Amino acid sequence: MDRMVLHRMEYYGYHGVFAEERKLGQRYYIDLEIDMDLSEAGRNDDLTKTINYAEIHELVKQIVENKSFQLIEALGEHIASSLLDTYTIINALTVKVTKPHPPFDIHFEGVTVELRRTRK
């Protein structure tokens, strides 16, 4: 299966368990791996036979920046289900949501959840 990969899309969102996180917000990075058949798009050089990644970026932006979730797992699940609902060409996808600066008094570079979903 062919794959389109969107690396480290950056957004500013208001997600977190703590009220302060949902009030102040922070950066989030989203990576997508989208499995689909790209052969017809490649053979015919036809954008209508694939997914316009600018549209994907905008859809993800609307979710990250205009909705609020306590868990990055829920944010990732909403992104995955929205993409599968919107684009029937998608067979499966992986969504990675990275929160680079969790509000803890411990030292690490961030936390990432990775969700893999397949069309049923």
PDB file of N, CA and C in Angstrom:
ATOM      1  N   MET A   1       0.851  -1.186   0.000  1.00  0.00           N
ATOM      2  CA  MET A   1       0.000   0.000   0.000  1.00  0.00           C
ATOM      3  C   MET A   1       0.889   1.239   0.000  1.00  0.00           C
ATOM      4  N   ASP A   2       0.423   2.245  -0.678  1.00  0.00           N
ATOM      5  CA  ASP A   2       1.138   3.519  -0.751  1.00  0.00           C
ATOM      6  C   ASP A   2       0.865   4.331   0.507  1.00  0.00           C
ATOM      7  N   ARG A   3       1.692   5.323   0.718  1.00  0.00           N
ATOM      8  CA  ARG A   3       1.566   6.107   1.954  1.00  0.00           C
ATOM      9  C   ARG A   3       1.938   7.568   1.692  1.00  0.00           C
ATOM     10  N   MET A   4       1.133   8.462   2.243  1.00  0.00           N
ATOM     11  CA  MET A   4       1.445   9.890   2.294  1.00  0.00           C
ATOM     12  C   MET A   4       1.796  10.205   3.746  1.00  0.00           C
ATOM     13  N   VAL A   5       2.896  10.913   3.954  1.00  0.00           N
ATOM     14  CA  VAL A   5       3.344  11.240   5.308  1.00  0.00           C
ATOM     15  C   VAL A   5       3.443  12.756   5.446  1.00  0.00           C
ATOM     16  N   LEU A   6       2.793  13.283   6.463  1.00  0.00           N
ATOM     17  CA  LEU A   6       2.889  14.706   6.791  1.00  0.00           C
ATOM     18  C   LEU A   6       3.643  14.806   8.110  1.00  0.00           C
ATOM     19  N   HIS A   7       4.778  15.493   8.068  1.00  0.00           N
ATOM     20  CA  HIS A   7       5.682  15.546   9.215  1.00  0.00           C
ATOM     21  C   HIS A   7       5.512  16.824  10.027  1.00  0.00           C
ATOM     22  N   ARG A   8       5.394  16.666  11.296  1.00  0.00           N
ATOM     23  CA  ARG A   8       5.504  17.728  12.299  1.00  0.00           C
ATOM     24  C   ARG A   8       4.721  18.998  11.937  1.00  0.00           C
ATOM     25  N   MET A   9       3.444  18.825  11.688  1.00  0.00           N
ATOM     26  CA  MET A   9       2.586  20.000  11.508  1.00  0.00           C
ATOM     27  C   MET A   9       2.444  20.651  12.883  1.00  0.00           C
ATOM     28  N   GLU A  10       2.609  21.945  12.946  1.00  0.00           N
ATOM     29  CA  GLU A  10       2.616  22.646  14.236  1.00  0.00           C
ATOM     30  C   GLU A  10       1.363  23.500  14.393  1.00  0.00           C
ATOM     31  N   TYR A  11       0.732  23.372  15.565  1.00  0.00           N
ATOM     32  CA  TYR A  11      -0.480  24.127  15.877  1.00  0.00           C
ATOM     33  C   TYR A  11      -0.413  24.608  17.323  1.00  0.00           C
ATOM     34  N   TYR A  12      -1.285  25.542  17.649  1.00  0.00           N
ATOM     35  CA  TYR A  12      -1.399  26.014  19.028  1.00  0.00           C
ATOM     36  C   TYR A  12      -2.786  25.639  19.518  1.00  0.00           C
ATOM     37  N   GLY A  13      -2.838  24.852  20.585  1.00  0.00           N
ATOM     38  CA  GLY A  13      -4.125  24.376  21.072  1.00  0.00           C
ATOM     39  C   GLY A  13      -4.258  24.480  22.573  1.00  0.00           C
ATOM     40  N   TYR A  14      -5.462  24.200  23.045  1.00  0.00           N
ATOM     41  CA  TYR A  14      -5.832  24.354  24.459  1.00  0.00           C
ATOM     42  C   TYR A  14      -6.329  23.022  25.004  1.00  0.00           C
ATOM     43  N   HIS A  15      -5.407  22.115  25.228  1.00  0.00           N
ATOM     44  CA  HIS A  15      -5.733  20.763  25.658  1.00  0.00           C
ATOM     45  C   HIS A  15      -4.967  20.443  26.930  1.00  0.00           C
ATOM     46  N   GLY A  16      -5.557  19.616  27.769  1.00  0.00           N
ATOM     47  CA  GLY A  16      -4.858  19.178  28.965  1.00  0.00           C
ATOM     48  C   GLY A  16      -5.815  18.876  30.097  1.00  0.00           C
ATOM     49  N   VAL A  17      -5.326  18.134  31.043  1.00  0.00           N
ATOM     50  CA  VAL A  17      -6.110  17.769  32.221  1.00  0.00           C
ATOM     51  C   VAL A  17      -6.272  18.970  33.144  1.00  0.00           C
ATOM     52  N   PHE A  18      -5.253  19.814  33.201  1.00  0.00           N
ATOM     53  CA  PHE A  18      -5.275  20.953  34.115  1.00  0.00           C
ATOM     54  C   PHE A  18      -5.927  22.173  33.465  1.00  0.00           C
ATOM     55  N   ALA A  19      -6.729  22.907  34.240  1.00  0.00           N
ATOM     56  CA  ALA A  19      -7.431  24.089  33.730  1.00  0.00           C
ATOM     57  C   ALA A  19      -6.459  25.106  33.150  1.00  0.00           C
ATOM     58  N   GLU A  20      -5.309  25.246  33.763  1.00  0.00           N
ATOM     59  CA  GLU A  20      -4.313  26.208  33.277  1.00  0.00           C
ATOM     60  C   GLU A  20      -3.847  25.866  31.860  1.00  0.00           C
ATOM     61  N   GLU A  21      -3.704  24.594  31.563  1.00  0.00           N
ATOM     62  CA  GLU A  21      -3.313  24.173  30.211  1.00  0.00           C
ATOM     63  C   GLU A  21      -4.375  24.569  29.192  1.00  0.00           C
ATOM     64  N   ARG A  22      -5.635  24.372  29.576  1.00  0.00           N
ATOM     65  CA  ARG A  22      -6.734  24.697  28.662  1.00  0.00           C
ATOM     66  C   ARG A  22      -6.937  26.198  28.539  1.00  0.00           C
ATOM     67  N   LYS A  23      -6.440  26.973  29.507  1.00  0.00           N
ATOM     68  CA  LYS A  23      -6.549  28.428  29.454  1.00  0.00           C
ATOM     69  C   LYS A  23      -5.388  29.047  28.670  1.00  0.00           C
ATOM     70  N   LEU A  24      -4.163  28.634  28.978  1.00  0.00           N
ATOM     71  CA  LEU A  24      -2.979  29.239  28.366  1.00  0.00           C
ATOM     72  C   LEU A  24      -2.625  28.638  27.011  1.00  0.00           C
ATOM     73  N   GLY A  25      -2.876  27.353  26.843  1.00  0.00           N
ATOM     74  CA  GLY A  25      -2.548  26.678  25.594  1.00  0.00           C
ATOM     75  C   GLY A  25      -1.057  26.436  25.439  1.00  0.00           C
ATOM     76  N   GLN A  26      -0.723  25.706  24.378  1.00  0.00           N
ATOM     77  CA  GLN A  26       0.671  25.451  24.036  1.00  0.00           C
ATOM     78  C   GLN A  26       0.748  24.860  22.637  1.00  0.00           C
ATOM     79  N   ARG A  27       1.975  24.696  22.152  1.00  0.00           N
ATOM     80  CA  ARG A  27       2.192  24.103  20.835  1.00  0.00           C
ATOM     81  C   ARG A  27       1.943  22.593  20.884  1.00  0.00           C
ATOM     82  N   TYR A  28       1.468  22.082  19.769  1.00  0.00           N
ATOM     83  CA  TYR A  28       1.311  20.644  19.566  1.00  0.00           C
ATOM     84  C   TYR A  28       1.839  20.324  18.178  1.00  0.00           C
ATOM     85  N   TYR A  29       2.454  19.163  18.049  1.00  0.00           N
ATOM     86  CA  TYR A  29       2.937  18.693  16.753  1.00  0.00           C
ATOM     87  C   TYR A  29       2.132  17.461  16.361  1.00  0.00           C
ATOM     88  N   ILE A  30       1.706  17.438  15.108  1.00  0.00           N
ATOM     89  CA  ILE A  30       0.932  16.319  14.586  1.00  0.00           C
ATOM     90  C   ILE A  30       1.679  15.734  13.392  1.00  0.00           C
ATOM     91  N   ASP A  31       1.856  14.425  13.415  1.00  0.00           N
ATOM     92  CA  ASP A  31       2.405  13.686  12.280  1.00  0.00           C
ATOM     93  C   ASP A  31       1.331  12.723  11.800  1.00  0.00           C
ATOM     94  N   LEU A  32       1.211  12.596  10.490  1.00  0.00           N
ATOM     95  CA  LEU A  32       0.234  11.678   9.910  1.00  0.00           C
ATOM     96  C   LEU A  32       0.915  10.753   8.918  1.00  0.00           C
ATOM     97  N   GLU A  33       0.559   9.492   8.957  1.00  0.00           N
ATOM     98  CA  GLU A  33       0.926   8.525   7.928  1.00  0.00           C
ATOM     99  C   GLU A  33      -0.388   7.976   7.392  1.00  0.00           C
ATOM    100  N   ILE A  34      -0.653   8.250   6.125  1.00  0.00           N
ATOM    101  CA  ILE A  34      -1.944   7.914   5.531  1.00  0.00           C
ATOM    102  C   ILE A  34      -1.737   6.863   4.447  1.00  0.00           C
ATOM    103  N   ASP A  35      -2.319   5.685   4.654  1.00  0.00           N
ATOM    104  CA  ASP A  35      -2.213   4.590   3.690  1.00  0.00           C
ATOM    105  C   ASP A  35      -3.387   4.650   2.723  1.00  0.00           C
ATOM    106  N   MET A  36      -3.048   4.678   1.437  1.00  0.00           N
ATOM    107  CA  MET A  36      -4.061   4.729   0.387  1.00  0.00           C
ATOM    108  C   MET A  36      -3.403   4.333  -0.924  1.00  0.00           C
ATOM    109  N   ASP A  37      -4.197   4.095  -1.924  1.00  0.00           N
ATOM    110  CA  ASP A  37      -3.686   3.740  -3.243  1.00  0.00           C
ATOM    111  C   ASP A  37      -3.405   5.032  -4.014  1.00  0.00           C
ATOM    112  N   LEU A  38      -2.135   5.274  -4.294  1.00  0.00           N
ATOM    113  CA  LEU A  38      -1.732   6.488  -5.010  1.00  0.00           C
ATOM    114  C   LEU A  38      -1.369   6.207  -6.465  1.00  0.00           C
ATOM    115  N   SER A  39      -1.600   4.985  -6.930  1.00  0.00           N
ATOM    116  CA  SER A  39      -1.161   4.619  -8.278  1.00  0.00           C
ATOM    117  C   SER A  39      -1.858   5.425  -9.371  1.00  0.00           C
ATOM    118  N   GLU A  40      -3.160   5.608  -9.254  1.00  0.00           N
ATOM    119  CA  GLU A  40      -3.880   6.359 -10.292  1.00  0.00           C
ATOM    120  C   GLU A  40      -3.457   7.824 -10.305  1.00  0.00           C
ATOM    121  N   ALA A  41      -3.270   8.413  -9.139  1.00  0.00           N
ATOM    122  CA  ALA A  41      -2.795   9.802  -9.067  1.00  0.00           C
ATOM    123  C   ALA A  41      -1.411   9.920  -9.690  1.00  0.00           C
ATOM    124  N   GLY A  42      -0.548   8.946  -9.419  1.00  0.00           N
ATOM    125  CA  GLY A  42       0.804   8.967  -9.976  1.00  0.00           C
ATOM    126  C   GLY A  42       0.831   8.767 -11.478  1.00  0.00           C
ATOM    127  N   ARG A  43       0.021   7.827 -11.970  1.00  0.00           N
ATOM    128  CA  ARG A  43      -0.014   7.558 -13.414  1.00  0.00           C
ATOM    129  C   ARG A  43      -0.580   8.732 -14.198  1.00  0.00           C
ATOM    130  N   ASN A  44      -1.595   9.394 -13.636  1.00  0.00           N
ATOM    131  CA  ASN A  44      -2.311  10.430 -14.378  1.00  0.00           C
ATOM    132  C   ASN A  44      -1.963  11.853 -13.961  1.00  0.00           C
ATOM    133  N   ASP A  45      -1.090  11.997 -12.965  1.00  0.00           N
ATOM    134  CA  ASP A  45      -0.712  13.326 -12.480  1.00  0.00           C
ATOM    135  C   ASP A  45      -1.966  14.143 -12.163  1.00  0.00           C
ATOM    136  N   ASP A  46      -2.866  13.526 -11.370  1.00  0.00           N
ATOM    137  CA  ASP A  46      -4.202  14.071 -11.145  1.00  0.00           C
ATOM    138  C   ASP A  46      -4.469  14.222  -9.643  1.00  0.00           C
ATOM    139  N   LEU A  47      -4.585  15.452  -9.199  1.00  0.00           N
ATOM    140  CA  LEU A  47      -4.815  15.744  -7.782  1.00  0.00           C
ATOM    141  C   LEU A  47      -6.139  15.173  -7.279  1.00  0.00           C
ATOM    142  N   THR A  48      -7.122  15.037  -8.160  1.00  0.00           N
ATOM    143  CA  THR A  48      -8.421  14.520  -7.716  1.00  0.00           C
ATOM    144  C   THR A  48      -8.369  13.030  -7.372  1.00  0.00           C
ATOM    145  N   LYS A  49      -7.275  12.357  -7.692  1.00  0.00           N
ATOM    146  CA  LYS A  49      -7.127  10.930  -7.400  1.00  0.00           C
ATOM    147  C   LYS A  49      -6.300  10.678  -6.140  1.00  0.00           C
ATOM    148  N   THR A  50      -6.041  11.739  -5.387  1.00  0.00           N
ATOM    149  CA  THR A  50      -5.294  11.640  -4.142  1.00  0.00           C
ATOM    150  C   THR A  50      -5.944  12.578  -3.133  1.00  0.00           C
ATOM    151  N   ILE A  51      -5.226  12.905  -2.085  1.00  0.00           N
ATOM    152  CA  ILE A  51      -5.712  13.861  -1.092  1.00  0.00           C
ATOM    153  C   ILE A  51      -4.822  15.087  -1.135  1.00  0.00           C
ATOM    154  N   ASN A  52      -5.437  16.237  -1.186  1.00  0.00           N
ATOM    155  CA  ASN A  52      -4.698  17.495  -1.149  1.00  0.00           C
ATOM    156  C   ASN A  52      -4.211  17.710   0.282  1.00  0.00           C
ATOM    157  N   TYR A  53      -2.900  17.666   0.484  1.00  0.00           N
ATOM    158  CA  TYR A  53      -2.395  17.756   1.859  1.00  0.00           C
ATOM    159  C   TYR A  53      -2.617  19.122   2.480  1.00  0.00           C
ATOM    160  N   ALA A  54      -2.848  20.155   1.681  1.00  0.00           N
ATOM    161  CA  ALA A  54      -3.216  21.464   2.244  1.00  0.00           C
ATOM    162  C   ALA A  54      -4.586  21.375   2.919  1.00  0.00           C
ATOM    163  N   GLU A  55      -5.498  20.588   2.344  1.00  0.00           N
ATOM    164  CA  GLU A  55      -6.815  20.379   2.961  1.00  0.00           C
ATOM    165  C   GLU A  55      -6.694  19.595   4.265  1.00  0.00           C
ATOM    166  N   ILE A  56      -5.821  18.595   4.274  1.00  0.00           N
ATOM    167  CA  ILE A  56      -5.600  17.828   5.504  1.00  0.00           C
ATOM    168  C   ILE A  56      -5.072  18.746   6.595  1.00  0.00           C
ATOM    169  N   HIS A  57      -4.091  19.561   6.242  1.00  0.00           N
ATOM    170  CA  HIS A  57      -3.517  20.504   7.209  1.00  0.00           C
ATOM    171  C   HIS A  57      -4.609  21.394   7.800  1.00  0.00           C
ATOM    172  N   GLU A  58      -5.485  21.893   6.967  1.00  0.00           N
ATOM    173  CA  GLU A  58      -6.552  22.782   7.436  1.00  0.00           C
ATOM    174  C   GLU A  58      -7.545  22.045   8.328  1.00  0.00           C
ATOM    175  N   LEU A  59      -7.912  20.822   7.967  1.00  0.00           N
ATOM    176  CA  LEU A  59      -8.833  20.037   8.792  1.00  0.00           C
ATOM    177  C   LEU A  59      -8.229  19.786  10.172  1.00  0.00           C
ATOM    178  N   VAL A  60      -6.966  19.380  10.215  1.00  0.00           N
ATOM    179  CA  VAL A  60      -6.298  19.127  11.494  1.00  0.00           C
ATOM    180  C   VAL A  60      -6.169  20.422  12.290  1.00  0.00           C
ATOM    181  N   LYS A  61      -5.859  21.509  11.614  1.00  0.00           N
ATOM    182  CA  LYS A  61      -5.752  22.810  12.291  1.00  0.00           C
ATOM    183  C   LYS A  61      -7.062  23.173  12.978  1.00  0.00           C
ATOM    184  N   GLN A  62      -8.183  22.985  12.284  1.00  0.00           N
ATOM    185  CA  GLN A  62      -9.483  23.309  12.869  1.00  0.00           C
ATOM    186  C   GLN A  62      -9.743  22.489  14.130  1.00  0.00           C
ATOM    187  N   ILE A  63      -9.341  21.241  14.116  1.00  0.00           N
ATOM    188  CA  ILE A  63      -9.548  20.386  15.292  1.00  0.00           C
ATOM    189  C   ILE A  63      -8.648  20.814  16.439  1.00  0.00           C
ATOM    190  N   VAL A  64      -7.351  20.938  16.173  1.00  0.00           N
ATOM    191  CA  VAL A  64      -6.393  21.245  17.244  1.00  0.00           C
ATOM    192  C   VAL A  64      -6.639  22.626  17.834  1.00  0.00           C
ATOM    193  N   GLU A  65      -6.934  23.606  16.984  1.00  0.00           N
ATOM    194  CA  GLU A  65      -7.020  24.984  17.453  1.00  0.00           C
ATOM    195  C   GLU A  65      -8.409  25.414  17.901  1.00  0.00           C
ATOM    196  N   ASN A  66      -9.454  24.673  17.528  1.00  0.00           N
ATOM    197  CA  ASN A  66     -10.812  25.114  17.853  1.00  0.00           C
ATOM    198  C   ASN A  66     -11.580  24.183  18.779  1.00  0.00           C
ATOM    199  N   LYS A  67     -11.001  23.057  19.125  1.00  0.00           N
ATOM    200  CA  LYS A  67     -11.627  22.143  20.077  1.00  0.00           C
ATOM    201  C   LYS A  67     -10.717  22.024  21.283  1.00  0.00           C
ATOM    202  N   SER A  68     -11.242  21.476  22.368  1.00  0.00           N
ATOM    203  CA  SER A  68     -10.442  21.296  23.573  1.00  0.00           C
ATOM    204  C   SER A  68     -10.687  19.902  24.140  1.00  0.00           C
ATOM    205  N   PHE A  69      -9.605  19.195  24.391  1.00  0.00           N
ATOM    206  CA  PHE A  69      -9.662  17.854  24.965  1.00  0.00           C
ATOM    207  C   PHE A  69      -8.773  17.808  26.195  1.00  0.00           C
ATOM    208  N   GLN A  70      -9.120  16.972  27.135  1.00  0.00           N
ATOM    209  CA  GLN A  70      -8.247  16.784  28.289  1.00  0.00           C
ATOM    210  C   GLN A  70      -7.032  15.944  27.911  1.00  0.00           C
ATOM    211  N   LEU A  71      -7.241  14.932  27.089  1.00  0.00           N
ATOM    212  CA  LEU A  71      -6.175  13.992  26.763  1.00  0.00           C
ATOM    213  C   LEU A  71      -5.725  14.134  25.315  1.00  0.00           C
ATOM    214  N   ILE A  72      -4.416  14.011  25.094  1.00  0.00           N
ATOM    215  CA  ILE A  72      -3.945  14.019  23.713  1.00  0.00           C
ATOM    216  C   ILE A  72      -4.397  12.748  22.991  1.00  0.00           C
ATOM    217  N   GLU A  73      -4.722  11.701  23.733  1.00  0.00           N
ATOM    218  CA  GLU A  73      -5.306  10.505  23.128  1.00  0.00           C
ATOM    219  C   GLU A  73      -6.644  10.835  22.474  1.00  0.00           C
ATOM    220  N   ALA A  74      -7.456  11.647  23.139  1.00  0.00           N
ATOM    221  CA  ALA A  74      -8.758  12.049  22.592  1.00  0.00           C
ATOM    222  C   ALA A  74      -8.576  12.964  21.385  1.00  0.00           C
ATOM    223  N   LEU A  75      -7.606  13.857  21.456  1.00  0.00           N
ATOM    224  CA  LEU A  75      -7.301  14.729  20.314  1.00  0.00           C
ATOM    225  C   LEU A  75      -6.914  13.880  19.107  1.00  0.00           C
ATOM    226  N   GLY A  76      -6.029  12.925  19.303  1.00  0.00           N
ATOM    227  CA  GLY A  76      -5.612  12.047  18.210  1.00  0.00           C
ATOM    228  C   GLY A  76      -6.753  11.221  17.654  1.00  0.00           C
ATOM    229  N   GLU A  77      -7.606  10.722  18.523  1.00  0.00           N
ATOM    230  CA  GLU A  77      -8.762   9.931  18.086  1.00  0.00           C
ATOM    231  C   GLU A  77      -9.703  10.772  17.235  1.00  0.00           C
ATOM    232  N   HIS A  78      -9.918  12.016  17.629  1.00  0.00           N
ATOM    233  CA  HIS A  78     -10.802  12.898  16.860  1.00  0.00           C
ATOM    234  C   HIS A  78     -10.201  13.207  15.487  1.00  0.00           C
ATOM    235  N   ILE A  79      -8.905  13.427  15.439  1.00  0.00           N
ATOM    236  CA  ILE A  79      -8.240  13.662  14.151  1.00  0.00           C
ATOM    237  C   ILE A  79      -8.391  12.435  13.257  1.00  0.00           C
ATOM    238  N   ALA A  80      -8.107  11.256  13.793  1.00  0.00           N
ATOM    239  CA  ALA A  80      -8.193  10.021  13.005  1.00  0.00           C
ATOM    240  C   ALA A  80      -9.601   9.792  12.472  1.00  0.00           C
ATOM    241  N   SER A  81     -10.601   9.903  13.329  1.00  0.00           N
ATOM    242  CA  SER A  81     -11.975   9.641  12.887  1.00  0.00           C
ATOM    243  C   SER A  81     -12.445  10.691  11.886  1.00  0.00           C
ATOM    244  N   SER A  82     -12.044  11.933  12.064  1.00  0.00           N
ATOM    245  CA  SER A  82     -12.428  12.986  11.112  1.00  0.00           C
ATOM    246  C   SER A  82     -11.822  12.738   9.737  1.00  0.00           C
ATOM    247  N   LEU A  83     -10.560  12.328   9.696  1.00  0.00           N
ATOM    248  CA  LEU A  83      -9.921  12.042   8.410  1.00  0.00           C
ATOM    249  C   LEU A  83     -10.568  10.838   7.732  1.00  0.00           C
ATOM    250  N   LEU A  84     -10.833   9.786   8.480  1.00  0.00           N
ATOM    251  CA  LEU A  84     -11.478   8.608   7.894  1.00  0.00           C
ATOM    252  C   LEU A  84     -12.893   8.921   7.414  1.00  0.00           C
ATOM    253  N   ASP A  85     -13.615   9.759   8.144  1.00  0.00           N
ATOM    254  CA  ASP A  85     -14.971  10.143   7.734  1.00  0.00           C
ATOM    255  C   ASP A  85     -14.962  11.034   6.497  1.00  0.00           C
ATOM    256  N   THR A  86     -13.948  11.876   6.370  1.00  0.00           N
ATOM    257  CA  THR A  86     -13.896  12.860   5.286  1.00  0.00           C
ATOM    258  C   THR A  86     -13.356  12.280   3.982  1.00  0.00           C
ATOM    259  N   TYR A  87     -12.370  11.401   4.074  1.00  0.00           N
ATOM    260  CA  TYR A  87     -11.671  10.910   2.881  1.00  0.00           C
ATOM    261  C   TYR A  87     -11.827   9.394   2.750  1.00  0.00           C
ATOM    262  N   THR A  88     -12.704   8.968   1.857  1.00  0.00           N
ATOM    263  CA  THR A  88     -12.951   7.536   1.679  1.00  0.00           C
ATOM    264  C   THR A  88     -11.767   6.817   1.034  1.00  0.00           C
ATOM    265  N   ILE A  89     -10.857   7.541   0.429  1.00  0.00           N
ATOM    266  CA  ILE A  89      -9.675   6.941  -0.193  1.00  0.00           C
ATOM    267  C   ILE A  89      -8.709   6.378   0.850  1.00  0.00           C
ATOM    268  N   ILE A  90      -8.812   6.840   2.098  1.00  0.00           N
ATOM    269  CA  ILE A  90      -7.898   6.390   3.152  1.00  0.00           C
ATOM    270  C   ILE A  90      -8.263   4.972   3.586  1.00  0.00           C
ATOM    271  N   ASN A  91      -7.281   4.074   3.538  1.00  0.00           N
ATOM    272  CA  ASN A  91      -7.468   2.696   4.008  1.00  0.00           C
ATOM    273  C   ASN A  91      -7.111   2.561   5.483  1.00  0.00           C
ATOM    274  N   ALA A  92      -6.060   3.245   5.882  1.00  0.00           N
ATOM    275  CA  ALA A  92      -5.598   3.209   7.273  1.00  0.00           C
ATOM    276  C   ALA A  92      -4.749   4.444   7.507  1.00  0.00           C
ATOM    277  N   LEU A  93      -4.556   4.778   8.768  1.00  0.00           N
ATOM    278  CA  LEU A  93      -3.703   5.919   9.074  1.00  0.00           C
ATOM    279  C   LEU A  93      -3.121   5.795  10.468  1.00  0.00           C
ATOM    280  N   THR A  94      -2.029   6.507  10.647  1.00  0.00           N
ATOM    281  CA  THR A  94      -1.400   6.635  11.952  1.00  0.00           C
ATOM    282  C   THR A  94      -1.350   8.111  12.283  1.00  0.00           C
ATOM    283  N   VAL A  95      -1.811   8.450  13.464  1.00  0.00           N
ATOM    284  CA  VAL A  95      -1.780   9.829  13.956  1.00  0.00           C
ATOM    285  C   VAL A  95      -0.842   9.866  15.157  1.00  0.00           C
ATOM    286  N   LYS A  96       0.131  10.765  15.104  1.00  0.00           N
ATOM    287  CA  LYS A  96       1.016  10.987  16.249  1.00  0.00           C
ATOM    288  C   LYS A  96       0.768  12.398  16.754  1.00  0.00           C
ATOM    289  N   VAL A  97       0.442  12.515  18.025  1.00  0.00           N
ATOM    290  CA  VAL A  97       0.231  13.815  18.665  1.00  0.00           C
ATOM    291  C   VAL A  97       1.337  13.991  19.697  1.00  0.00           C
ATOM    292  N   THR A  98       2.105  15.067  19.539  1.00  0.00           N
ATOM    293  CA  THR A  98       3.193  15.350  20.474  1.00  0.00           C
ATOM    294  C   THR A  98       2.894  16.619  21.250  1.00  0.00           C
ATOM    295  N   LYS A  99       2.999  16.500  22.542  1.00  0.00           N
ATOM    296  CA  LYS A  99       2.889  17.635  23.462  1.00  0.00           C
ATOM    297  C   LYS A  99       4.321  17.881  23.947  1.00  0.00           C
ATOM    298  N   PRO A 100       4.985  18.920  23.399  1.00  0.00           N
ATOM    299  CA  PRO A 100       6.413  19.074  23.664  1.00  0.00           C
ATOM    300  C   PRO A 100       6.763  19.539  25.073  1.00  0.00           C
ATOM    301  N   HIS A 101       5.839  20.162  25.757  1.00  0.00           N
ATOM    302  CA  HIS A 101       6.154  20.700  27.085  1.00  0.00           C
ATOM    303  C   HIS A 101       5.043  20.393  28.084  1.00  0.00           C
ATOM    304  N   PRO A 102       4.910  19.137  28.497  1.00  0.00           N
ATOM    305  CA  PRO A 102       3.900  18.816  29.508  1.00  0.00           C
ATOM    306  C   PRO A 102       4.166  19.580  30.803  1.00  0.00           C
ATOM    307  N   PRO A 103       3.124  19.927  31.532  1.00  0.00           N
ATOM    308  CA  PRO A 103       3.277  20.779  32.717  1.00  0.00           C
ATOM    309  C   PRO A 103       3.660  19.993  33.968  1.00  0.00           C
ATOM    310  N   PHE A 104       4.769  19.327  33.908  1.00  0.00           N
ATOM    311  CA  PHE A 104       5.210  18.539  35.051  1.00  0.00           C
ATOM    312  C   PHE A 104       6.577  19.025  35.492  1.00  0.00           C
ATOM    313  N   ASP A 105       6.874  18.813  36.744  1.00  0.00           N
ATOM    314  CA  ASP A 105       8.186  19.182  37.260  1.00  0.00           C
ATOM    315  C   ASP A 105       9.154  18.012  37.093  1.00  0.00           C
ATOM    316  N   ILE A 106       9.185  17.503  35.864  1.00  0.00           N
ATOM    317  CA  ILE A 106      10.149  16.474  35.502  1.00  0.00           C
ATOM    318  C   ILE A 106      10.767  16.891  34.182  1.00  0.00           C
ATOM    319  N   HIS A 107      11.880  16.313  33.839  1.00  0.00           N
ATOM    320  CA  HIS A 107      12.599  16.776  32.656  1.00  0.00           C
ATOM    321  C   HIS A 107      12.579  15.724  31.549  1.00  0.00           C
ATOM    322  N   PHE A 108      11.834  16.023  30.511  1.00  0.00           N
ATOM    323  CA  PHE A 108      11.868  15.249  29.280  1.00  0.00           C
ATOM    324  C   PHE A 108      11.361  16.147  28.166  1.00  0.00           C
ATOM    325  N   GLU A 109      11.607  15.751  26.939  1.00  0.00           N
ATOM    326  CA  GLU A 109      11.330  16.615  25.798  1.00  0.00           C
ATOM    327  C   GLU A 109       9.886  16.612  25.346  1.00  0.00           C
ATOM    328  N   GLY A 110       9.056  15.863  25.966  1.00  0.00           N
ATOM    329  CA  GLY A 110       7.661  15.844  25.568  1.00  0.00           C
ATOM    330  C   GLY A 110       7.107  14.441  25.593  1.00  0.00           C
ATOM    331  N   VAL A 111       5.850  14.362  25.235  1.00  0.00           N
ATOM    332  CA  VAL A 111       5.169  13.068  25.202  1.00  0.00           C
ATOM    333  C   VAL A 111       4.415  12.961  23.878  1.00  0.00           C
ATOM    334  N   THR A 112       4.435  11.767  23.305  1.00  0.00           N
ATOM    335  CA  THR A 112       3.744  11.513  22.046  1.00  0.00           C
ATOM    336  C   THR A 112       2.841  10.304  22.208  1.00  0.00           C
ATOM    337  N   VAL A 113       1.618  10.423  21.698  1.00  0.00           N
ATOM    338  CA  VAL A 113       0.764   9.246  21.558  1.00  0.00           C
ATOM    339  C   VAL A 113       0.674   8.928  20.074  1.00  0.00           C
ATOM    340  N   GLU A 114       0.626   7.655  19.774  1.00  0.00           N
ATOM    341  CA  GLU A 114       0.546   7.196  18.393  1.00  0.00           C
ATOM    342  C   GLU A 114      -0.651   6.268  18.268  1.00  0.00           C
ATOM    343  N   LEU A 115      -1.580   6.655  17.403  1.00  0.00           N
ATOM    344  CA  LEU A 115      -2.807   5.885  17.199  1.00  0.00           C
ATOM    345  C   LEU A 115      -2.826   5.345  15.773  1.00  0.00           C
ATOM    346  N   ARG A 116      -3.128   4.087  15.616  1.00  0.00           N
ATOM    347  CA  ARG A 116      -3.247   3.459  14.306  1.00  0.00           C
ATOM    348  C   ARG A 116      -4.697   3.048  14.115  1.00  0.00           C
ATOM    349  N   ARG A 117      -5.320   3.532  13.046  1.00  0.00           N
ATOM    350  CA  ARG A 117      -6.719   3.207  12.772  1.00  0.00           C
ATOM    351  C   ARG A 117      -6.854   2.691  11.336  1.00  0.00           C
ATOM    352  N   THR A 118      -7.723   1.712  11.166  1.00  0.00           N
ATOM    353  CA  THR A 118      -7.973   1.101   9.864  1.00  0.00           C
ATOM    354  C   THR A 118      -9.457   1.228   9.543  1.00  0.00           C
ATOM    355  N   ARG A 119      -9.735   1.488   8.276  1.00  0.00           N
ATOM    356  CA  ARG A 119     -11.142   1.587   7.865  1.00  0.00           C
ATOM    357  C   ARG A 119     -11.825   0.242   8.071  1.00  0.00           C
ATOM    358  N   LYS A 120     -13.011   0.291   8.638  1.00  0.00           N
ATOM    359  CA  LYS A 120     -13.754  -0.953   8.906  1.00  0.00           C
ATOM    360  C   LYS A 120     -14.596  -1.345   7.726  1.00  0.00           C
TER     361      LYS A 120
END
